[in-house]
């Protein structure tokens, strides 16, 4: 049983760290290749992804809150602690995703305005470092929280 628990926490650690590696690669490519431009299409695509995280997390929390897990929580400490961690992670995902949506919208507006002022066309612009970080950091946190929350939901099912 100890081996399974250790493997579980290795999986949880990977689910928490891998999205941050993704964030780092986006940052690295933005700084080394100049891939820090945004467009209407790009913004909409990432806003849709954040909305999907919000929807999936909200559904999972609602299902968990209304399920029979409540009766099992009283008798099984692993189920109880896993349910708590899952709910906290999934609610955190919703909060971080909302921040990402706001950062995407405002970052795009600012980048587009700078681009238009310099004689460019509307619908695109170059994000500065702060704007990119305000999008990437909460985005990585939202994805990490989502993945960790769902891994803990799977743990609940495993211990029934």
C-alpha atoms as a PDB file:
ATOM      1  CA  UNK A   1       0.000   0.000   0.000  1.00  0.00           C
ATOM      2  CA  UNK A   2       2.911   2.341   0.748  1.00  0.00           C
ATOM      3  CA  UNK A   3       4.206   1.883  -2.805  1.00  0.00           C
ATOM      4  CA  UNK A   4       0.855   2.905  -4.288  1.00  0.00           C
ATOM      5  CA  UNK A   5       0.754   5.961  -2.043  1.00  0.00           C
ATOM      6  CA  UNK A   6       4.267   6.956  -3.097  1.00  0.00           C
ATOM      7  CA  UNK A   7       3.375   6.500  -6.766  1.00  0.00           C
ATOM      8  CA  UNK A   8       0.256   8.577  -6.257  1.00  0.00           C
ATOM      9  CA  UNK A   9       2.234  11.488  -4.823  1.00  0.00           C
ATOM     10  CA  UNK A  10       4.801  11.217  -7.634  1.00  0.00           C
ATOM     11  CA  UNK A  11       1.878  11.573 -10.056  1.00  0.00           C
ATOM     12  CA  UNK A  12       0.513  14.540  -8.090  1.00  0.00           C
ATOM     13  CA  UNK A  13       3.935  16.200  -8.169  1.00  0.00           C
ATOM     14  CA  UNK A  14       4.175  15.685 -11.917  1.00  0.00           C
ATOM     15  CA  UNK A  15       0.686  17.133 -12.425  1.00  0.00           C
ATOM     16  CA  UNK A  16       1.724  20.209 -10.448  1.00  0.00           C
ATOM     17  CA  UNK A  17       5.108  20.721 -12.151  1.00  0.00           C
ATOM     18  CA  UNK A  18       4.462  19.875 -15.817  1.00  0.00           C
ATOM     19  CA  UNK A  19       2.202  22.912 -16.447  1.00  0.00           C
ATOM     20  CA  UNK A  20       4.928  25.160 -15.068  1.00  0.00           C
ATOM     21  CA  UNK A  21       7.339  23.651 -17.595  1.00  0.00           C
ATOM     22  CA  UNK A  22       4.819  24.583 -20.286  1.00  0.00           C
ATOM     23  CA  UNK A  23       4.705  28.147 -18.910  1.00  0.00           C
ATOM     24  CA  UNK A  24       8.497  28.313 -18.982  1.00  0.00           C
ATOM     25  CA  UNK A  25       8.650  27.143 -22.617  1.00  0.00           C
ATOM     26  CA  UNK A  26       6.134  29.803 -23.681  1.00  0.00           C
ATOM     27  CA  UNK A  27       8.144  32.456 -21.812  1.00  0.00           C
ATOM     28  CA  UNK A  28      11.424  31.205 -23.267  1.00  0.00           C
ATOM     29  CA  UNK A  29      10.105  31.217 -26.836  1.00  0.00           C
ATOM     30  CA  UNK A  30       8.615  34.680 -26.348  1.00  0.00           C
ATOM     31  CA  UNK A  31      11.986  36.032 -25.248  1.00  0.00           C
ATOM     32  CA  UNK A  32      14.278  34.114 -27.627  1.00  0.00           C
ATOM     33  CA  UNK A  33      12.159  33.913 -30.779  1.00  0.00           C
ATOM     34  CA  UNK A  34       9.953  36.968 -30.401  1.00  0.00           C
ATOM     35  CA  UNK A  35       6.790  34.902 -30.079  1.00  0.00           C
ATOM     36  CA  UNK A  36       5.134  37.403 -27.761  1.00  0.00           C
ATOM     37  CA  UNK A  37       2.551  38.701 -30.211  1.00  0.00           C
ATOM     38  CA  UNK A  38      -1.162  38.247 -29.662  1.00  0.00           C
ATOM     39  CA  UNK A  39      -4.160  38.464 -31.971  1.00  0.00           C
ATOM     40  CA  UNK A  40      -7.939  38.318 -31.762  1.00  0.00           C
ATOM     41  CA  UNK A  41      -7.859  34.636 -32.678  1.00  0.00           C
ATOM     42  CA  UNK A  42      -5.157  33.783 -30.173  1.00  0.00           C
ATOM     43  CA  UNK A  43      -6.881  35.645 -27.345  1.00  0.00           C
ATOM     44  CA  UNK A  44     -10.221  33.986 -28.099  1.00  0.00           C
ATOM     45  CA  UNK A  45      -8.632  30.543 -28.245  1.00  0.00           C
ATOM     46  CA  UNK A  46      -7.018  30.919 -24.810  1.00  0.00           C
ATOM     47  CA  UNK A  47     -10.148  32.508 -23.301  1.00  0.00           C
ATOM     48  CA  UNK A  48     -12.118  29.476 -24.523  1.00  0.00           C
ATOM     49  CA  UNK A  49      -9.563  27.164 -22.896  1.00  0.00           C
ATOM     50  CA  UNK A  50      -9.875  29.049 -19.587  1.00  0.00           C
ATOM     51  CA  UNK A  51     -13.675  28.871 -19.815  1.00  0.00           C
ATOM     52  CA  UNK A  52     -13.402  25.119 -20.328  1.00  0.00           C
ATOM     53  CA  UNK A  53     -11.301  24.798 -17.174  1.00  0.00           C
ATOM     54  CA  UNK A  54     -13.880  26.841 -15.261  1.00  0.00           C
ATOM     55  CA  UNK A  55     -16.763  24.723 -16.538  1.00  0.00           C
ATOM     56  CA  UNK A  56     -15.066  21.369 -15.903  1.00  0.00           C
ATOM     57  CA  UNK A  57     -13.926  22.398 -12.423  1.00  0.00           C
ATOM     58  CA  UNK A  58     -17.359  23.737 -11.518  1.00  0.00           C
ATOM     59  CA  UNK A  59     -19.079  20.560 -12.659  1.00  0.00           C
ATOM     60  CA  UNK A  60     -16.612  18.377 -10.748  1.00  0.00           C
ATOM     61  CA  UNK A  61     -17.050  20.375  -7.534  1.00  0.00           C
ATOM     62  CA  UNK A  62     -20.842  20.281  -7.882  1.00  0.00           C
ATOM     63  CA  UNK A  63     -20.814  16.529  -8.455  1.00  0.00           C
ATOM     64  CA  UNK A  64     -18.512  15.995  -5.515  1.00  0.00           C
ATOM     65  CA  UNK A  65     -20.650  18.138  -3.247  1.00  0.00           C
ATOM     66  CA  UNK A  66     -23.836  16.317  -4.190  1.00  0.00           C
ATOM     67  CA  UNK A  67     -22.464  12.779  -4.316  1.00  0.00           C
ATOM     68  CA  UNK A  68     -22.463   9.976  -1.842  1.00  0.00           C
ATOM     69  CA  UNK A  69     -18.890  10.869  -0.947  1.00  0.00           C
ATOM     70  CA  UNK A  70     -20.306  12.749   2.042  1.00  0.00           C
ATOM     71  CA  UNK A  71     -21.314   9.510   3.747  1.00  0.00           C
ATOM     72  CA  UNK A  72     -18.025   7.813   2.891  1.00  0.00           C
ATOM     73  CA  UNK A  73     -16.009  10.770   4.210  1.00  0.00           C
ATOM     74  CA  UNK A  74     -17.069  10.024   7.765  1.00  0.00           C
ATOM     75  CA  UNK A  75     -15.673   6.497   7.609  1.00  0.00           C
ATOM     76  CA  UNK A  76     -12.557   6.891   5.442  1.00  0.00           C
ATOM     77  CA  UNK A  77      -9.874   9.484   6.208  1.00  0.00           C
ATOM     78  CA  UNK A  78      -8.231   9.121   2.790  1.00  0.00           C
ATOM     79  CA  UNK A  79     -11.521   9.841   1.013  1.00  0.00           C
ATOM     80  CA  UNK A  80     -12.195  12.818   3.293  1.00  0.00           C
ATOM     81  CA  UNK A  81      -8.776  14.392   2.801  1.00  0.00           C
ATOM     82  CA  UNK A  82      -8.800  13.685  -0.946  1.00  0.00           C
ATOM     83  CA  UNK A  83     -12.219  15.321  -1.299  1.00  0.00           C
ATOM     84  CA  UNK A  84     -10.999  18.418   0.530  1.00  0.00           C
ATOM     85  CA  UNK A  85      -7.846  18.713  -1.570  1.00  0.00           C
ATOM     86  CA  UNK A  86      -9.818  18.155  -4.778  1.00  0.00           C
ATOM     87  CA  UNK A  87     -12.362  20.840  -3.930  1.00  0.00           C
ATOM     88  CA  UNK A  88      -9.715  23.383  -2.910  1.00  0.00           C
ATOM     89  CA  UNK A  89      -7.689  22.712  -6.069  1.00  0.00           C
ATOM     90  CA  UNK A  90     -10.683  22.877  -8.389  1.00  0.00           C
ATOM     91  CA  UNK A  91     -12.013  26.075  -6.810  1.00  0.00           C
ATOM     92  CA  UNK A  92      -8.512  27.549  -7.073  1.00  0.00           C
ATOM     93  CA  UNK A  93      -8.543  26.581 -10.754  1.00  0.00           C
ATOM     94  CA  UNK A  94     -11.745  28.571 -11.248  1.00  0.00           C
ATOM     95  CA  UNK A  95     -10.238  31.621  -9.542  1.00  0.00           C
ATOM     96  CA  UNK A  96      -6.957  31.473 -11.470  1.00  0.00           C
ATOM     97  CA  UNK A  97      -8.852  30.936 -14.735  1.00  0.00           C
ATOM     98  CA  UNK A  98     -10.881  34.086 -14.138  1.00  0.00           C
ATOM     99  CA  UNK A  99      -7.639  36.020 -13.593  1.00  0.00           C
ATOM    100  CA  UNK A 100      -6.275  34.563 -16.839  1.00  0.00           C
ATOM    101  CA  UNK A 101      -9.349  35.674 -18.777  1.00  0.00           C
ATOM    102  CA  UNK A 102      -9.086  39.212 -17.417  1.00  0.00           C
ATOM    103  CA  UNK A 103      -5.326  39.313 -18.082  1.00  0.00           C
ATOM    104  CA  UNK A 104      -5.835  38.053 -21.642  1.00  0.00           C
ATOM    105  CA  UNK A 105      -8.476  40.661 -22.361  1.00  0.00           C
ATOM    106  CA  UNK A 106      -6.557  43.575 -20.860  1.00  0.00           C
ATOM    107  CA  UNK A 107      -3.199  42.449 -22.244  1.00  0.00           C
ATOM    108  CA  UNK A 108      -4.661  42.197 -25.725  1.00  0.00           C
ATOM    109  CA  UNK A 109      -6.255  45.658 -25.447  1.00  0.00           C
ATOM    110  CA  UNK A 110      -2.966  47.207 -24.367  1.00  0.00           C
ATOM    111  CA  UNK A 111      -0.889  45.384 -26.992  1.00  0.00           C
ATOM    112  CA  UNK A 112      -3.329  46.289 -29.756  1.00  0.00           C
ATOM    113  CA  UNK A 113      -3.439  49.943 -28.680  1.00  0.00           C
ATOM    114  CA  UNK A 114       0.362  50.199 -28.723  1.00  0.00           C
ATOM    115  CA  UNK A 115       0.446  48.562 -32.141  1.00  0.00           C
ATOM    116  CA  UNK A 116      -2.170  50.941 -33.574  1.00  0.00           C
ATOM    117  CA  UNK A 117      -0.330  53.966 -32.124  1.00  0.00           C
ATOM    118  CA  UNK A 118       2.840  52.847 -33.895  1.00  0.00           C
ATOM    119  CA  UNK A 119       1.022  52.639 -37.231  1.00  0.00           C
ATOM    120  CA  UNK A 120       0.068  48.966 -37.240  1.00  0.00           C
ATOM    121  CA  UNK A 121      -3.291  47.437 -37.900  1.00  0.00           C
ATOM    122  CA  UNK A 122      -5.958  46.516 -35.360  1.00  0.00           C
ATOM    123  CA  UNK A 123      -6.456  42.935 -34.223  1.00  0.00           C
ATOM    124  CA  UNK A 124      -2.905  42.214 -33.082  1.00  0.00           C
ATOM    125  CA  UNK A 125      -0.124  43.513 -30.912  1.00  0.00           C
ATOM    126  CA  UNK A 126       3.019  42.644 -29.007  1.00  0.00           C
ATOM    127  CA  UNK A 127       2.666  41.807 -25.315  1.00  0.00           C
ATOM    128  CA  UNK A 128       5.248  43.257 -22.952  1.00  0.00           C
ATOM    129  CA  UNK A 129       6.904  41.090 -20.303  1.00  0.00           C
ATOM    130  CA  UNK A 130       4.535  42.087 -17.485  1.00  0.00           C
ATOM    131  CA  UNK A 131       1.433  41.387 -19.573  1.00  0.00           C
ATOM    132  CA  UNK A 132       2.783  38.018 -20.626  1.00  0.00           C
ATOM    133  CA  UNK A 133       3.617  37.074 -17.029  1.00  0.00           C
ATOM    134  CA  UNK A 134       0.160  38.164 -15.815  1.00  0.00           C
ATOM    135  CA  UNK A 135      -1.256  35.670 -18.324  1.00  0.00           C
ATOM    136  CA  UNK A 136       1.248  32.818 -17.977  1.00  0.00           C
ATOM    137  CA  UNK A 137       1.621  32.535 -14.200  1.00  0.00           C
ATOM    138  CA  UNK A 138      -2.079  32.264 -13.322  1.00  0.00           C
ATOM    139  CA  UNK A 139      -2.595  30.134 -16.435  1.00  0.00           C
ATOM    140  CA  UNK A 140      -0.006  27.628 -15.277  1.00  0.00           C
ATOM    141  CA  UNK A 141      -1.426  27.706 -11.754  1.00  0.00           C
ATOM    142  CA  UNK A 142      -4.956  27.095 -13.079  1.00  0.00           C
ATOM    143  CA  UNK A 143      -3.814  24.120 -15.138  1.00  0.00           C
ATOM    144  CA  UNK A 144      -1.819  22.682 -12.214  1.00  0.00           C
ATOM    145  CA  UNK A 145      -4.772  23.066  -9.851  1.00  0.00           C
ATOM    146  CA  UNK A 146      -7.108  21.461 -12.383  1.00  0.00           C
ATOM    147  CA  UNK A 147      -4.868  18.428 -12.930  1.00  0.00           C
ATOM    148  CA  UNK A 148      -4.100  17.917  -9.231  1.00  0.00           C
ATOM    149  CA  UNK A 149      -7.785  18.291  -8.346  1.00  0.00           C
ATOM    150  CA  UNK A 150      -8.798  15.633 -10.846  1.00  0.00           C
ATOM    151  CA  UNK A 151      -6.057  13.261  -9.699  1.00  0.00           C
ATOM    152  CA  UNK A 152      -7.409  13.558  -6.152  1.00  0.00           C
ATOM    153  CA  UNK A 153     -10.943  12.902  -7.456  1.00  0.00           C
ATOM    154  CA  UNK A 154      -9.614   9.713  -9.008  1.00  0.00           C
ATOM    155  CA  UNK A 155      -8.108   8.771  -5.671  1.00  0.00           C
ATOM    156  CA  UNK A 156     -11.546   9.026  -4.062  1.00  0.00           C
ATOM    157  CA  UNK A 157     -12.950   6.504  -6.530  1.00  0.00           C
ATOM    158  CA  UNK A 158      -9.991   4.206  -5.971  1.00  0.00           C
ATOM    159  CA  UNK A 159     -10.630   4.091  -2.191  1.00  0.00           C
ATOM    160  CA  UNK A 160     -14.354   3.330  -2.299  1.00  0.00           C
END
